[in-house]
Amino acid sequence: RGVATRTRVDLPADVTEPFDVFVNGVLQREGVDFERRGGALVFSRRLSREGRLGAMRWLSMLLGIAGTYRQNDSVDVVYERAGRRVVATGLPLSLAD
């Protein structure tokens, strides 16, 4: 069994086209970087969040022994609602089917 390489991001219910998608602040292109499937975006690569850091990790960072170098992707969508630009930040990531 292979490792999942696609990531699904559910769009907020009020998102309408046109909208822009950013991963870590970089503009993404539909059909190249992601596909739209209904109310979700599917990225062809694996995106992930660092998650919570344990007490030992915090202590080692506080003491300057170690940093945090885990993958910490953020997906943001910019769209219009009632004539105003809205940004949905840090949308939840999940494995794609």
Protein backbone atom coordinates (compact mmCIF):
# COMPACT_ATOMS: atom_id res chain seq x y z
CA ARG A 1 0.00 0.00 0.00
CA GLY A 2 1.42 3.40 -1.01
CA VAL A 3 1.52 6.58 0.98
CA ALA A 4 -1.31 9.01 0.27
CA THR A 5 -0.04 11.84 -1.88
CA ARG A 6 -3.19 13.92 -2.37
CA THR A 7 -4.78 16.36 0.03
CA ARG A 8 -8.40 17.49 0.27
CA VAL A 9 -9.45 20.92 1.53
CA ASP A 10 -13.14 21.63 2.06
CA LEU A 11 -14.17 25.13 1.03
CA PRO A 12 -16.26 27.32 3.34
CA ALA A 13 -19.95 27.10 2.39
CA ASP A 14 -20.17 30.73 1.22
CA VAL A 15 -17.27 30.63 -1.28
CA THR A 16 -18.33 31.64 -4.78
CA GLU A 17 -16.31 31.97 -7.95
CA PRO A 18 -14.04 33.61 -8.74
CA PHE A 19 -11.68 32.87 -5.87
CA ASP A 20 -7.91 32.61 -5.39
CA VAL A 21 -6.13 29.79 -3.59
CA PHE A 22 -2.82 30.15 -1.79
CA VAL A 23 -0.59 27.52 -0.19
CA ASN A 24 1.96 29.01 2.17
CA GLY A 25 1.33 32.40 0.55
CA VAL A 26 1.96 31.19 -3.02
CA LEU A 27 -0.87 31.52 -5.56
CA GLN A 28 -2.06 28.14 -6.87
CA ARG A 29 -3.55 27.43 -10.30
CA GLU A 30 -6.62 25.28 -10.86
CA GLY A 31 -5.85 22.38 -13.19
CA VAL A 32 -2.14 22.62 -12.41
CA ASP A 33 -1.80 22.67 -8.63
CA PHE A 34 -5.29 21.53 -7.61
CA GLU A 35 -8.66 20.32 -8.92
CA ARG A 36 -12.06 21.50 -7.74
CA ARG A 37 -14.41 18.68 -6.78
CA GLY A 38 -17.75 20.08 -5.68
CA GLY A 39 -17.19 22.01 -2.48
CA ALA A 40 -13.60 20.87 -2.07
CA LEU A 41 -10.14 21.37 -3.53
CA VAL A 42 -7.90 18.37 -4.16
CA PHE A 43 -4.17 18.98 -4.34
CA SER A 44 -1.98 16.51 -6.20
CA ARG A 45 0.61 16.61 -3.42
CA ARG A 46 0.53 15.86 0.27
CA LEU A 47 0.04 18.87 2.50
CA SER A 48 0.26 18.59 6.27
CA ARG A 49 0.19 20.55 9.51
CA GLU A 50 2.78 20.35 12.21
CA GLY A 51 0.24 19.64 14.91
CA ARG A 52 0.65 20.20 18.62
CA LEU A 53 4.11 20.23 20.12
CA GLY A 54 4.75 18.21 23.25
CA ALA A 55 6.21 19.56 26.47
CA MET A 56 9.70 18.22 25.73
CA ARG A 57 9.75 19.88 22.31
CA TRP A 58 8.66 23.21 23.82
CA LEU A 59 11.33 22.91 26.51
CA SER A 60 14.07 22.13 23.98
CA MET A 61 12.99 25.12 21.88
CA LEU A 62 12.91 27.38 24.94
CA LEU A 63 16.43 26.28 25.89
CA GLY A 64 17.65 26.76 22.32
CA ILE A 65 18.54 23.10 21.91
CA ALA A 66 16.23 22.46 18.98
CA GLY A 67 13.82 24.22 16.69
CA THR A 68 10.77 22.98 14.88
CA TYR A 69 11.34 21.94 11.29
CA ARG A 70 8.24 19.94 10.54
CA GLN A 71 6.04 20.57 7.53
CA ASN A 72 3.38 23.16 8.35
CA ASP A 73 1.31 23.98 5.27
CA SER A 74 -1.43 26.60 5.26
CA VAL A 75 -4.18 26.82 2.64
CA ASP A 76 -5.96 30.17 2.28
CA VAL A 77 -8.83 31.11 -0.05
CA VAL A 78 -9.61 34.71 -1.06
CA TYR A 79 -13.12 35.38 -2.35
CA GLU A 80 -15.89 37.99 -2.34
CA ARG A 81 -18.86 38.07 0.03
CA ALA A 82 -21.40 40.90 -0.28
CA GLY A 83 -18.96 42.92 -2.40
CA ARG A 84 -16.08 42.65 0.08
CA ARG A 85 -12.94 40.53 -0.19
CA VAL A 86 -12.80 37.82 2.46
CA VAL A 87 -9.90 35.55 3.35
CA ALA A 88 -10.50 32.08 4.79
CA THR A 89 -7.17 31.14 6.37
CA GLY A 90 -5.69 27.89 7.60
CA LEU A 91 -8.40 25.66 6.13
CA PRO A 92 -8.42 22.08 7.50
CA LEU A 93 -6.44 19.49 5.54
CA SER A 94 -7.41 15.85 5.05
CA LEU A 95 -6.30 12.91 2.94
CA ALA A 96 -8.05 12.73 -0.44
CA ASP A 97 -10.02 9.64 -1.44
